[in-house]
Amino acid sequence: MQEKLFKRLVKKNYNDELEKVLENKKIDETAKNLLLGILYKVEASYKDFYTVKRNIETKDEYIKKIINIIEEDCDKIIVVNQEQVNNLQNKTFIVNKENKEIIIYPIERKLLYAISKIGKNDIILEDKYNFLNRHISDIINVGNNIETVEPLRDFNGWSWSVVNREIEGIEYNILYQNIRILIGNRLLKRCIQNKNSNKDYLKLLKLELEKKMRK
């Protein structure tokens, strides 16, 4: 019943696209309902979220990104109950990128964060940056994961309702949002999605910053 309700409320093309992707995945009905719930809430709130947030991807780009991550990087979603809680090792979710697997409590917001996380490389800059690589990659990756969840976590269609304890890393979020405002969403998105490119994205980020702010 719940799944049928979501199907009526969310645009058909999104559902069809998601269901086609899920056909060959190890994802049970509970996980499917969580995914449909995410799509429904994004469909309901993203227009207002886009107006308030500014300089972000469109709703179609956002939903397409989530579906693409599931298609390419996530083969299995295991939703645990109270009897299986030990599988989570005192966490709300576990992401196994090597096995393309997510283990999670039945919480939509946590599932969306885990999907965002599983779709990223841990290191997104070139090896030559040594220890800076890990720190900058963490700031950009974690910050983007936090931002991905904003439409579900903070925005109710009327105002921001930010609960600090629900943000996984306040410092990462502040740094990432400043980078996004200074650099712009498009170039930052290319940096995050960089998987097989030899481009020096840190250099590109610096050049863009100098262009806008001077050296």
N, C-alpha and C. Protein backbone atom coordinates (compact mmCIF):
# COMPACT_ATOMS: atom_id res chain seq x y z
N MET A 1 0.83 -1.20 0.00
CA MET A 1 0.00 0.00 0.00
C MET A 1 0.87 1.26 0.00
N GLN A 2 1.88 1.27 0.88
CA GLN A 2 2.78 2.42 0.98
C GLN A 2 3.50 2.66 -0.34
N GLU A 3 3.98 1.58 -0.97
CA GLU A 3 4.71 1.70 -2.22
C GLU A 3 3.80 2.26 -3.32
N LYS A 4 2.53 1.81 -3.36
CA LYS A 4 1.60 2.29 -4.37
C LYS A 4 1.31 3.79 -4.18
N LEU A 5 1.23 4.22 -2.92
CA LEU A 5 1.00 5.63 -2.63
C LEU A 5 2.15 6.48 -3.15
N PHE A 6 3.38 6.06 -2.86
CA PHE A 6 4.54 6.81 -3.33
C PHE A 6 4.56 6.87 -4.85
N LYS A 7 4.19 5.78 -5.50
CA LYS A 7 4.21 5.75 -6.96
C LYS A 7 3.25 6.78 -7.55
N ARG A 8 2.14 7.04 -6.89
CA ARG A 8 1.20 8.02 -7.39
C ARG A 8 1.71 9.44 -7.17
N LEU A 9 2.48 9.64 -6.10
CA LEU A 9 2.92 10.98 -5.74
C LEU A 9 4.21 11.40 -6.41
N VAL A 10 5.08 10.46 -6.73
CA VAL A 10 6.35 10.77 -7.37
C VAL A 10 6.20 10.60 -8.87
N LYS A 11 6.82 11.47 -9.63
CA LYS A 11 6.71 11.38 -11.08
C LYS A 11 7.07 9.99 -11.57
N LYS A 12 6.26 9.52 -12.52
CA LYS A 12 6.38 8.13 -12.99
C LYS A 12 7.77 7.83 -13.55
N ASN A 13 8.36 8.77 -14.27
CA ASN A 13 9.64 8.48 -14.91
C ASN A 13 10.74 8.21 -13.88
N TYR A 14 10.68 8.86 -12.72
CA TYR A 14 11.66 8.60 -11.67
C TYR A 14 11.49 7.18 -11.13
N ASN A 15 10.25 6.80 -10.87
CA ASN A 15 9.99 5.46 -10.37
C ASN A 15 10.43 4.39 -11.35
N ASP A 16 10.06 4.58 -12.61
CA ASP A 16 10.41 3.60 -13.64
C ASP A 16 11.92 3.44 -13.74
N GLU A 17 12.61 4.57 -13.71
CA GLU A 17 14.07 4.54 -13.82
C GLU A 17 14.69 3.82 -12.63
N LEU A 18 14.21 4.13 -11.44
CA LEU A 18 14.73 3.49 -10.24
C LEU A 18 14.43 2.00 -10.24
N GLU A 19 13.20 1.63 -10.55
CA GLU A 19 12.82 0.21 -10.52
C GLU A 19 13.61 -0.60 -11.55
N LYS A 20 13.88 0.00 -12.68
CA LYS A 20 14.70 -0.69 -13.70
C LYS A 20 16.10 -0.96 -13.16
N VAL A 21 16.66 0.02 -12.46
CA VAL A 21 18.00 -0.13 -11.87
C VAL A 21 17.99 -1.21 -10.79
N LEU A 22 16.90 -1.28 -10.01
CA LEU A 22 16.83 -2.20 -8.88
C LEU A 22 16.58 -3.65 -9.28
N GLU A 23 16.21 -3.88 -10.52
CA GLU A 23 15.86 -5.23 -10.97
C GLU A 23 16.96 -6.25 -10.70
N ASN A 24 18.20 -5.84 -10.90
CA ASN A 24 19.32 -6.77 -10.75
C ASN A 24 20.12 -6.53 -9.47
N LYS A 25 19.49 -5.86 -8.51
CA LYS A 25 20.15 -5.57 -7.24
C LYS A 25 19.56 -6.42 -6.12
N LYS A 26 20.35 -6.63 -5.07
CA LYS A 26 19.88 -7.35 -3.89
C LYS A 26 19.31 -6.34 -2.90
N ILE A 27 18.12 -5.85 -3.21
CA ILE A 27 17.49 -4.81 -2.41
C ILE A 27 16.06 -5.23 -2.12
N ASP A 28 15.72 -5.43 -0.84
CA ASP A 28 14.40 -5.95 -0.49
C ASP A 28 13.34 -4.84 -0.48
N GLU A 29 12.09 -5.21 -0.16
CA GLU A 29 10.99 -4.26 -0.23
C GLU A 29 11.14 -3.12 0.77
N THR A 30 11.71 -3.42 1.94
CA THR A 30 11.91 -2.35 2.92
C THR A 30 12.84 -1.28 2.38
N ALA A 31 13.95 -1.70 1.78
CA ALA A 31 14.89 -0.75 1.20
C ALA A 31 14.27 -0.01 0.03
N LYS A 32 13.48 -0.71 -0.79
CA LYS A 32 12.81 -0.06 -1.92
C LYS A 32 11.86 1.03 -1.43
N ASN A 33 11.12 0.73 -0.37
CA ASN A 33 10.20 1.73 0.19
C ASN A 33 10.94 2.94 0.74
N LEU A 34 12.10 2.72 1.34
CA LEU A 34 12.92 3.83 1.81
C LEU A 34 13.38 4.71 0.64
N LEU A 35 13.79 4.06 -0.45
CA LEU A 35 14.23 4.79 -1.63
C LEU A 35 13.07 5.58 -2.25
N LEU A 36 11.91 4.97 -2.31
CA LEU A 36 10.74 5.66 -2.84
C LEU A 36 10.34 6.83 -1.94
N GLY A 37 10.50 6.65 -0.63
CA GLY A 37 10.22 7.73 0.31
C GLY A 37 11.16 8.91 0.10
N ILE A 38 12.41 8.61 -0.19
CA ILE A 38 13.39 9.67 -0.48
C ILE A 38 12.96 10.45 -1.72
N LEU A 39 12.61 9.72 -2.79
CA LEU A 39 12.19 10.38 -4.03
C LEU A 39 10.96 11.24 -3.81
N TYR A 40 10.02 10.73 -3.04
CA TYR A 40 8.79 11.49 -2.78
C TYR A 40 9.11 12.80 -2.05
N LYS A 41 9.94 12.74 -1.03
CA LYS A 41 10.25 13.94 -0.26
C LYS A 41 11.06 14.95 -1.08
N VAL A 42 11.96 14.44 -1.93
CA VAL A 42 12.71 15.33 -2.82
C VAL A 42 11.76 16.00 -3.81
N GLU A 43 10.87 15.21 -4.38
CA GLU A 43 9.88 15.74 -5.32
C GLU A 43 9.03 16.84 -4.67
N ALA A 44 8.69 16.65 -3.41
CA ALA A 44 7.80 17.58 -2.71
C ALA A 44 8.50 18.88 -2.29
N SER A 45 9.79 18.81 -1.96
CA SER A 45 10.44 19.96 -1.33
C SER A 45 11.53 20.62 -2.17
N TYR A 46 12.00 19.96 -3.24
CA TYR A 46 13.23 20.44 -3.86
C TYR A 46 13.07 21.79 -4.56
N LYS A 47 11.89 22.08 -5.08
CA LYS A 47 11.69 23.35 -5.77
C LYS A 47 11.95 24.51 -4.82
N ASP A 48 11.36 24.44 -3.63
CA ASP A 48 11.58 25.49 -2.63
C ASP A 48 13.01 25.46 -2.11
N PHE A 49 13.55 24.26 -1.91
CA PHE A 49 14.94 24.12 -1.47
C PHE A 49 15.89 24.77 -2.47
N TYR A 50 15.65 24.55 -3.75
CA TYR A 50 16.49 25.12 -4.82
C TYR A 50 16.43 26.65 -4.80
N THR A 51 15.23 27.19 -4.56
CA THR A 51 15.06 28.64 -4.51
C THR A 51 15.84 29.26 -3.35
N VAL A 52 15.80 28.59 -2.20
CA VAL A 52 16.47 29.12 -1.01
C VAL A 52 17.98 28.92 -1.07
N LYS A 53 18.42 27.75 -1.49
CA LYS A 53 19.84 27.39 -1.43
C LYS A 53 20.67 28.11 -2.48
N ARG A 54 20.18 28.13 -3.72
CA ARG A 54 20.86 28.79 -4.84
C ARG A 54 22.17 28.09 -5.21
N ASN A 55 22.56 28.25 -6.45
CA ASN A 55 23.84 27.73 -6.96
C ASN A 55 24.04 26.25 -6.62
N ILE A 56 23.02 25.45 -6.88
CA ILE A 56 23.11 24.00 -6.69
C ILE A 56 22.53 23.31 -7.92
N GLU A 57 22.64 21.99 -7.96
CA GLU A 57 22.11 21.24 -9.08
C GLU A 57 20.58 21.27 -9.10
N THR A 58 20.00 21.08 -10.28
CA THR A 58 18.56 21.06 -10.39
C THR A 58 18.00 19.78 -9.77
N LYS A 59 16.69 19.75 -9.59
CA LYS A 59 16.06 18.55 -9.02
C LYS A 59 16.32 17.33 -9.90
N ASP A 60 16.20 17.49 -11.22
CA ASP A 60 16.44 16.36 -12.13
C ASP A 60 17.87 15.87 -12.01
N GLU A 61 18.82 16.79 -11.93
CA GLU A 61 20.23 16.41 -11.78
C GLU A 61 20.45 15.70 -10.44
N TYR A 62 19.81 16.20 -9.41
CA TYR A 62 19.95 15.61 -8.08
C TYR A 62 19.43 14.17 -8.05
N ILE A 63 18.22 13.96 -8.55
CA ILE A 63 17.63 12.62 -8.54
C ILE A 63 18.40 11.69 -9.46
N LYS A 64 18.80 12.19 -10.62
CA LYS A 64 19.58 11.37 -11.55
C LYS A 64 20.89 10.93 -10.90
N LYS A 65 21.51 11.80 -10.14
CA LYS A 65 22.76 11.47 -9.46
C LYS A 65 22.55 10.32 -8.48
N ILE A 66 21.47 10.37 -7.70
CA ILE A 66 21.18 9.32 -6.73
C ILE A 66 20.95 7.98 -7.43
N ILE A 67 20.16 8.00 -8.50
CA ILE A 67 19.88 6.77 -9.24
C ILE A 67 21.14 6.22 -9.88
N ASN A 68 21.97 7.08 -10.42
CA ASN A 68 23.23 6.64 -11.05
C ASN A 68 24.17 5.99 -10.05
N ILE A 69 24.23 6.55 -8.84
CA ILE A 69 25.08 5.96 -7.81
C ILE A 69 24.60 4.54 -7.47
N ILE A 70 23.30 4.39 -7.31
CA ILE A 70 22.75 3.06 -7.02
C ILE A 70 23.06 2.10 -8.17
N GLU A 71 22.94 2.58 -9.39
CA GLU A 71 23.19 1.72 -10.54
C GLU A 71 24.64 1.28 -10.64
N GLU A 72 25.57 2.21 -10.41
CA GLU A 72 26.98 1.93 -10.65
C GLU A 72 27.74 1.45 -9.42
N ASP A 73 27.33 1.89 -8.24
CA ASP A 73 28.18 1.69 -7.06
C ASP A 73 27.53 0.92 -5.92
N CYS A 74 26.26 0.56 -6.04
CA CYS A 74 25.57 -0.09 -4.92
C CYS A 74 24.77 -1.29 -5.43
N ASP A 75 25.22 -2.50 -5.07
CA ASP A 75 24.54 -3.72 -5.50
C ASP A 75 23.63 -4.30 -4.43
N LYS A 76 23.84 -3.88 -3.18
CA LYS A 76 23.09 -4.52 -2.09
C LYS A 76 22.83 -3.53 -0.97
N ILE A 77 21.57 -3.48 -0.50
CA ILE A 77 21.21 -2.68 0.67
C ILE A 77 20.54 -3.61 1.68
N ILE A 78 21.13 -3.71 2.85
CA ILE A 78 20.60 -4.55 3.91
C ILE A 78 20.03 -3.65 5.00
N VAL A 79 18.73 -3.71 5.21
CA VAL A 79 18.07 -2.93 6.27
C VAL A 79 17.93 -3.83 7.49
N VAL A 80 18.51 -3.40 8.60
CA VAL A 80 18.53 -4.24 9.80
C VAL A 80 17.38 -3.87 10.73
N ASN A 81 16.98 -4.83 11.54
CA ASN A 81 15.99 -4.60 12.59
C ASN A 81 16.69 -4.67 13.95
N GLN A 82 15.91 -4.58 15.03
CA GLN A 82 16.50 -4.56 16.36
C GLN A 82 17.29 -5.84 16.67
N GLU A 83 16.85 -6.96 16.14
CA GLU A 83 17.54 -8.22 16.40
C GLU A 83 18.87 -8.32 15.67
N GLN A 84 19.04 -7.50 14.62
CA GLN A 84 20.27 -7.54 13.83
C GLN A 84 21.18 -6.36 14.12
N VAL A 85 20.90 -5.63 15.19
CA VAL A 85 21.61 -4.39 15.46
C VAL A 85 23.12 -4.57 15.57
N ASN A 86 23.58 -5.74 16.03
CA ASN A 86 25.01 -5.98 16.16
C ASN A 86 25.75 -5.93 14.83
N ASN A 87 25.02 -6.14 13.74
CA ASN A 87 25.64 -6.07 12.41
C ASN A 87 26.16 -4.68 12.09
N LEU A 88 25.66 -3.68 12.81
CA LEU A 88 26.05 -2.30 12.52
C LEU A 88 27.21 -1.81 13.37
N GLN A 89 27.67 -2.61 14.29
CA GLN A 89 28.85 -2.26 15.10
C GLN A 89 28.69 -0.89 15.77
N ASN A 90 27.52 -0.67 16.38
CA ASN A 90 27.22 0.58 17.09
C ASN A 90 27.16 1.81 16.19
N LYS A 91 26.92 1.61 14.91
CA LYS A 91 26.76 2.71 13.95
C LYS A 91 25.34 2.71 13.41
N THR A 92 24.97 3.79 12.73
CA THR A 92 23.64 3.83 12.10
C THR A 92 23.68 3.24 10.70
N PHE A 93 24.87 3.17 10.11
CA PHE A 93 25.01 2.52 8.81
C PHE A 93 26.47 2.14 8.58
N ILE A 94 26.69 1.19 7.70
CA ILE A 94 28.04 0.79 7.29
C ILE A 94 28.06 0.78 5.76
N VAL A 95 29.07 1.41 5.19
CA VAL A 95 29.26 1.41 3.74
C VAL A 95 30.49 0.57 3.40
N ASN A 96 30.29 -0.43 2.56
CA ASN A 96 31.38 -1.28 2.09
C ASN A 96 31.53 -1.04 0.59
N LYS A 97 32.47 -0.15 0.23
CA LYS A 97 32.61 0.22 -1.17
C LYS A 97 33.14 -0.93 -2.01
N GLU A 98 34.00 -1.75 -1.42
CA GLU A 98 34.59 -2.87 -2.16
C GLU A 98 33.51 -3.86 -2.60
N ASN A 99 32.57 -4.15 -1.71
CA ASN A 99 31.49 -5.09 -2.02
C ASN A 99 30.24 -4.40 -2.55
N LYS A 100 30.30 -3.08 -2.67
CA LYS A 100 29.15 -2.29 -3.14
C LYS A 100 27.91 -2.57 -2.28
N GLU A 101 28.10 -2.47 -0.97
CA GLU A 101 27.06 -2.89 -0.03
C GLU A 101 26.84 -1.83 1.04
N ILE A 102 25.57 -1.62 1.39
CA ILE A 102 25.18 -0.73 2.49
C ILE A 102 24.38 -1.54 3.50
N ILE A 103 24.77 -1.44 4.78
CA ILE A 103 23.99 -2.02 5.88
C ILE A 103 23.49 -0.85 6.71
N ILE A 104 22.18 -0.82 7.02
CA ILE A 104 21.64 0.42 7.56
C ILE A 104 20.37 0.20 8.38
N TYR A 105 20.14 1.10 9.33
CA TYR A 105 18.84 1.19 9.99
C TYR A 105 17.80 1.71 8.98
N PRO A 106 16.53 1.44 9.20
CA PRO A 106 15.50 1.93 8.27
C PRO A 106 15.20 3.41 8.45
N ILE A 107 16.20 4.25 8.13
CA ILE A 107 16.07 5.71 8.25
C ILE A 107 16.42 6.32 6.89
N GLU A 108 15.48 7.02 6.28
CA GLU A 108 15.68 7.56 4.93
C GLU A 108 16.90 8.48 4.86
N ARG A 109 17.03 9.37 5.83
CA ARG A 109 18.12 10.34 5.81
C ARG A 109 19.48 9.65 5.85
N LYS A 110 19.59 8.61 6.68
CA LYS A 110 20.85 7.87 6.78
C LYS A 110 21.13 7.10 5.49
N LEU A 111 20.08 6.57 4.88
CA LEU A 111 20.27 5.84 3.62
C LEU A 111 20.76 6.78 2.53
N LEU A 112 20.19 7.98 2.46
CA LEU A 112 20.62 8.95 1.45
C LEU A 112 22.08 9.34 1.66
N TYR A 113 22.49 9.53 2.93
CA TYR A 113 23.89 9.85 3.23
C TYR A 113 24.80 8.70 2.79
N ALA A 114 24.39 7.47 3.10
CA ALA A 114 25.20 6.30 2.75
C ALA A 114 25.33 6.15 1.23
N ILE A 115 24.25 6.42 0.50
CA ILE A 115 24.30 6.36 -0.96
C ILE A 115 25.27 7.40 -1.51
N SER A 116 25.20 8.61 -0.96
CA SER A 116 26.12 9.66 -1.39
C SER A 116 27.57 9.26 -1.11
N LYS A 117 27.80 8.64 0.04
CA LYS A 117 29.16 8.24 0.43
C LYS A 117 29.70 7.12 -0.44
N ILE A 118 28.86 6.13 -0.76
CA ILE A 118 29.35 4.97 -1.50
C ILE A 118 29.72 5.34 -2.94
N GLY A 119 29.20 6.46 -3.42
CA GLY A 119 29.45 6.86 -4.80
C GLY A 119 30.70 7.69 -5.00
N LYS A 120 31.51 7.85 -3.96
CA LYS A 120 32.69 8.71 -4.06
C LYS A 120 33.99 7.93 -3.89
N ASN A 121 35.04 8.39 -4.53
CA ASN A 121 36.39 7.91 -4.23
C ASN A 121 36.85 8.54 -2.92
N ASP A 122 37.54 7.77 -2.08
CA ASP A 122 38.06 8.33 -0.83
C ASP A 122 39.09 9.42 -1.09
N ILE A 123 39.88 9.25 -2.14
CA ILE A 123 40.89 10.24 -2.51
C ILE A 123 40.52 10.80 -3.87
N ILE A 124 40.39 12.13 -3.97
CA ILE A 124 39.95 12.72 -5.22
C ILE A 124 40.99 13.63 -5.87
N LEU A 125 42.15 13.79 -5.22
CA LEU A 125 43.21 14.60 -5.80
C LEU A 125 44.39 13.72 -6.20
N GLU A 126 45.34 14.32 -6.88
CA GLU A 126 46.50 13.57 -7.34
C GLU A 126 47.42 13.19 -6.18
N ASP A 127 48.19 12.12 -6.35
CA ASP A 127 49.08 11.63 -5.30
C ASP A 127 50.13 12.65 -4.88
N LYS A 128 50.47 13.54 -5.79
CA LYS A 128 51.58 14.47 -5.51
C LYS A 128 51.29 15.40 -4.32
N TYR A 129 50.03 15.51 -3.93
CA TYR A 129 49.69 16.40 -2.82
C TYR A 129 49.89 15.76 -1.45
N ASN A 130 50.28 14.49 -1.46
CA ASN A 130 50.66 13.79 -0.22
C ASN A 130 49.61 13.93 0.88
N PHE A 131 50.03 14.39 2.07
CA PHE A 131 49.13 14.41 3.21
C PHE A 131 47.95 15.36 3.00
N LEU A 132 48.11 16.40 2.18
CA LEU A 132 47.01 17.32 1.92
C LEU A 132 45.86 16.62 1.21
N ASN A 133 46.22 15.59 0.43
CA ASN A 133 45.22 14.88 -0.36
C ASN A 133 44.10 14.33 0.51
N ARG A 134 44.47 13.64 1.58
CA ARG A 134 43.48 13.04 2.47
C ARG A 134 42.60 14.10 3.12
N HIS A 135 43.21 15.17 3.61
CA HIS A 135 42.44 16.19 4.33
C HIS A 135 41.49 16.94 3.41
N ILE A 136 41.99 17.34 2.25
CA ILE A 136 41.13 18.08 1.31
C ILE A 136 40.05 17.18 0.76
N SER A 137 40.38 15.93 0.47
CA SER A 137 39.39 14.97 -0.02
C SER A 137 38.30 14.76 1.02
N ASP A 138 38.68 14.65 2.29
CA ASP A 138 37.70 14.46 3.37
C ASP A 138 36.77 15.67 3.48
N ILE A 139 37.34 16.87 3.43
CA ILE A 139 36.52 18.08 3.53
C ILE A 139 35.48 18.11 2.41
N ILE A 140 35.92 17.85 1.18
CA ILE A 140 35.02 17.93 0.03
C ILE A 140 34.02 16.78 0.04
N ASN A 141 34.48 15.57 0.31
CA ASN A 141 33.58 14.41 0.29
C ASN A 141 32.54 14.46 1.41
N VAL A 142 33.02 14.65 2.64
CA VAL A 142 32.09 14.68 3.77
C VAL A 142 31.15 15.87 3.67
N GLY A 143 31.69 17.01 3.28
CA GLY A 143 30.85 18.19 3.11
C GLY A 143 29.76 17.97 2.08
N ASN A 144 30.11 17.32 0.97
CA ASN A 144 29.11 17.05 -0.06
C ASN A 144 28.07 16.03 0.41
N ASN A 145 28.50 15.02 1.18
CA ASN A 145 27.55 14.06 1.74
C ASN A 145 26.53 14.77 2.63
N ILE A 146 27.01 15.67 3.46
CA ILE A 146 26.13 16.42 4.35
C ILE A 146 25.15 17.27 3.55
N GLU A 147 25.66 17.92 2.51
CA GLU A 147 24.79 18.76 1.67
C GLU A 147 23.74 17.92 0.94
N THR A 148 24.11 16.72 0.50
CA THR A 148 23.17 15.86 -0.22
C THR A 148 21.93 15.56 0.61
N VAL A 149 22.09 15.49 1.92
CA VAL A 149 20.99 15.11 2.80
C VAL A 149 20.13 16.32 3.19
N GLU A 150 20.58 17.52 2.90
CA GLU A 150 19.86 18.72 3.34
C GLU A 150 18.38 18.76 2.97
N PRO A 151 17.98 18.37 1.74
CA PRO A 151 16.55 18.44 1.41
C PRO A 151 15.69 17.59 2.33
N LEU A 152 16.23 16.50 2.86
CA LEU A 152 15.48 15.64 3.77
C LEU A 152 15.66 16.07 5.23
N ARG A 153 16.85 16.54 5.55
CA ARG A 153 17.17 16.79 6.96
C ARG A 153 16.70 18.15 7.46
N ASP A 154 16.88 19.19 6.66
CA ASP A 154 16.72 20.56 7.18
C ASP A 154 15.54 21.33 6.63
N PHE A 155 15.06 20.99 5.45
CA PHE A 155 14.12 21.87 4.78
C PHE A 155 12.70 21.32 4.85
N ASN A 156 11.78 22.10 5.39
CA ASN A 156 10.40 21.62 5.54
C ASN A 156 9.43 22.29 4.57
N GLY A 157 9.97 23.04 3.59
CA GLY A 157 9.13 23.72 2.62
C GLY A 157 8.81 25.16 2.99
N TRP A 158 9.10 25.52 4.25
CA TRP A 158 8.81 26.88 4.71
C TRP A 158 10.05 27.57 5.27
N SER A 159 10.89 26.80 5.91
CA SER A 159 12.05 27.42 6.55
C SER A 159 13.13 26.36 6.76
N TRP A 160 14.33 26.84 7.10
CA TRP A 160 15.38 25.92 7.52
C TRP A 160 15.10 25.51 8.96
N SER A 161 15.25 24.23 9.23
CA SER A 161 15.07 23.73 10.59
C SER A 161 16.27 22.86 10.92
N VAL A 162 17.39 23.51 11.20
CA VAL A 162 18.66 22.82 11.35
C VAL A 162 18.83 22.33 12.80
N VAL A 163 19.03 21.03 12.95
CA VAL A 163 19.35 20.44 14.25
C VAL A 163 20.83 20.05 14.22
N ASN A 164 21.64 20.76 14.96
CA ASN A 164 23.09 20.59 14.87
C ASN A 164 23.54 19.15 15.09
N ARG A 165 22.92 18.46 16.02
CA ARG A 165 23.37 17.11 16.34
C ARG A 165 23.12 16.13 15.18
N GLU A 166 22.27 16.51 14.23
CA GLU A 166 22.00 15.63 13.09
C GLU A 166 22.95 15.87 11.92
N ILE A 167 23.80 16.89 12.04
CA ILE A 167 24.81 17.14 11.01
C ILE A 167 26.07 16.38 11.39
N GLU A 168 26.51 15.51 10.48
CA GLU A 168 27.57 14.56 10.80
C GLU A 168 28.91 15.22 11.11
N GLY A 169 29.14 16.43 10.60
CA GLY A 169 30.39 17.12 10.88
C GLY A 169 30.23 18.61 10.63
N ILE A 170 30.04 19.39 11.70
CA ILE A 170 29.79 20.83 11.56
C ILE A 170 30.95 21.52 10.85
N GLU A 171 32.18 21.18 11.23
CA GLU A 171 33.35 21.83 10.65
C GLU A 171 33.45 21.53 9.16
N TYR A 172 33.25 20.25 8.79
CA TYR A 172 33.28 19.88 7.38
C TYR A 172 32.22 20.65 6.61
N ASN A 173 31.05 20.78 7.19
CA ASN A 173 29.95 21.45 6.52
C ASN A 173 30.26 22.93 6.28
N ILE A 174 30.81 23.60 7.30
CA ILE A 174 31.14 25.02 7.16
C ILE A 174 32.20 25.23 6.09
N LEU A 175 33.25 24.42 6.12
CA LEU A 175 34.33 24.55 5.13
C LEU A 175 33.82 24.27 3.73
N TYR A 176 33.04 23.21 3.58
CA TYR A 176 32.54 22.84 2.25
C TYR A 176 31.63 23.93 1.70
N GLN A 177 30.72 24.46 2.52
CA GLN A 177 29.79 25.48 2.03
C GLN A 177 30.53 26.75 1.63
N ASN A 178 31.59 27.10 2.33
CA ASN A 178 32.40 28.26 1.94
C ASN A 178 33.10 28.01 0.60
N ILE A 179 33.63 26.79 0.43
CA ILE A 179 34.27 26.45 -0.85
C ILE A 179 33.24 26.52 -1.98
N ARG A 180 32.05 25.97 -1.73
CA ARG A 180 31.00 25.95 -2.75
C ARG A 180 30.60 27.37 -3.16
N ILE A 181 30.46 28.25 -2.18
CA ILE A 181 30.07 29.63 -2.47
C ILE A 181 31.17 30.35 -3.24
N LEU A 182 32.43 30.13 -2.87
CA LEU A 182 33.55 30.81 -3.51
C LEU A 182 33.85 30.25 -4.91
N ILE A 183 33.82 28.94 -5.04
CA ILE A 183 34.23 28.30 -6.29
C ILE A 183 33.06 28.12 -7.25
N GLY A 184 31.89 27.81 -6.71
CA GLY A 184 30.74 27.50 -7.55
C GLY A 184 30.49 26.01 -7.58
N ASN A 185 29.24 25.64 -7.78
CA ASN A 185 28.83 24.24 -7.67
C ASN A 185 29.35 23.37 -8.80
N ARG A 186 29.40 23.91 -10.01
CA ARG A 186 29.74 23.09 -11.19
C ARG A 186 31.15 22.52 -11.12
N LEU A 187 32.13 23.37 -10.87
CA LEU A 187 33.51 22.90 -10.80
C LEU A 187 33.71 21.97 -9.61
N LEU A 188 33.09 22.30 -8.50
CA LEU A 188 33.21 21.45 -7.31
C LEU A 188 32.60 20.07 -7.57
N LYS A 189 31.50 20.04 -8.29
CA LYS A 189 30.86 18.78 -8.65
C LYS A 189 31.76 17.94 -9.54
N ARG A 190 32.43 18.58 -10.49
CA ARG A 190 33.37 17.85 -11.36
C ARG A 190 34.51 17.26 -10.55
N CYS A 191 34.97 17.98 -9.57
CA CYS A 191 36.04 17.49 -8.70
C CYS A 191 35.58 16.27 -7.91
N ILE A 192 34.37 16.33 -7.37
CA ILE A 192 33.83 15.23 -6.58
C ILE A 192 33.62 13.98 -7.42
N GLN A 193 33.16 14.16 -8.64
CA GLN A 193 32.85 13.03 -9.52
C GLN A 193 34.06 12.53 -10.28
N ASN A 194 35.22 13.13 -10.07
CA ASN A 194 36.43 12.74 -10.77
C ASN A 194 36.87 11.34 -10.35
N LYS A 195 36.78 10.38 -11.28
CA LYS A 195 37.16 9.00 -10.97
C LYS A 195 38.34 8.51 -11.83
N ASN A 196 38.39 8.92 -13.05
CA ASN A 196 39.42 8.39 -13.95
C ASN A 196 40.16 9.49 -14.71
N SER A 197 40.12 10.68 -14.18
CA SER A 197 40.73 11.79 -14.89
C SER A 197 42.11 12.11 -14.32
N ASN A 198 43.00 12.60 -15.18
CA ASN A 198 44.33 13.02 -14.74
C ASN A 198 44.39 14.52 -14.48
N LYS A 199 43.25 15.17 -14.54
CA LYS A 199 43.24 16.60 -14.32
C LYS A 199 43.61 16.93 -12.88
N ASP A 200 44.35 18.02 -12.74
CA ASP A 200 44.74 18.50 -11.41
C ASP A 200 43.63 19.41 -10.90
N TYR A 201 42.68 18.81 -10.16
CA TYR A 201 41.52 19.58 -9.75
C TYR A 201 41.83 20.59 -8.65
N LEU A 202 42.84 20.33 -7.86
CA LEU A 202 43.20 21.33 -6.85
C LEU A 202 43.72 22.59 -7.54
N LYS A 203 44.48 22.39 -8.60
CA LYS A 203 44.98 23.54 -9.37
C LYS A 203 43.82 24.29 -10.01
N LEU A 204 42.84 23.56 -10.55
CA LEU A 204 41.67 24.19 -11.17
C LEU A 204 40.86 24.97 -10.14
N LEU A 205 40.73 24.41 -8.94
CA LEU A 205 40.01 25.10 -7.87
C LEU A 205 40.72 26.40 -7.48
N LYS A 206 42.05 26.33 -7.41
CA LYS A 206 42.83 27.52 -7.07
C LYS A 206 42.69 28.59 -8.15
N LEU A 207 42.76 28.18 -9.42
CA LEU A 207 42.64 29.14 -10.53
C LEU A 207 41.27 29.81 -10.53
N GLU A 208 40.24 29.01 -10.26
CA GLU A 208 38.88 29.58 -10.23
C GLU A 208 38.74 30.56 -9.08
N LEU A 209 39.34 30.23 -7.95
CA LEU A 209 39.29 31.12 -6.79
C LEU A 209 40.02 32.43 -7.09
N GLU A 210 41.19 32.33 -7.73
CA GLU A 210 41.96 33.53 -8.07
C GLU A 210 41.21 34.39 -9.10
N LYS A 211 40.51 33.75 -10.02
CA LYS A 211 39.75 34.48 -11.02
C LYS A 211 38.66 35.31 -10.36
N LYS A 212 38.02 34.75 -9.33
CA LYS A 212 36.90 35.44 -8.69
C LYS A 212 37.34 36.39 -7.58
N MET A 213 38.41 36.02 -6.87
CA MET A 213 38.77 36.77 -5.66
C MET A 213 40.13 37.49 -5.76
N ARG A 214 40.85 37.24 -6.86
CA ARG A 214 42.23 37.69 -7.03
C ARG A 214 43.16 36.86 -6.13
N LYS A 215 44.43 36.93 -6.42
CA LYS A 215 45.38 36.01 -5.80
C LYS A 215 45.47 36.28 -4.30
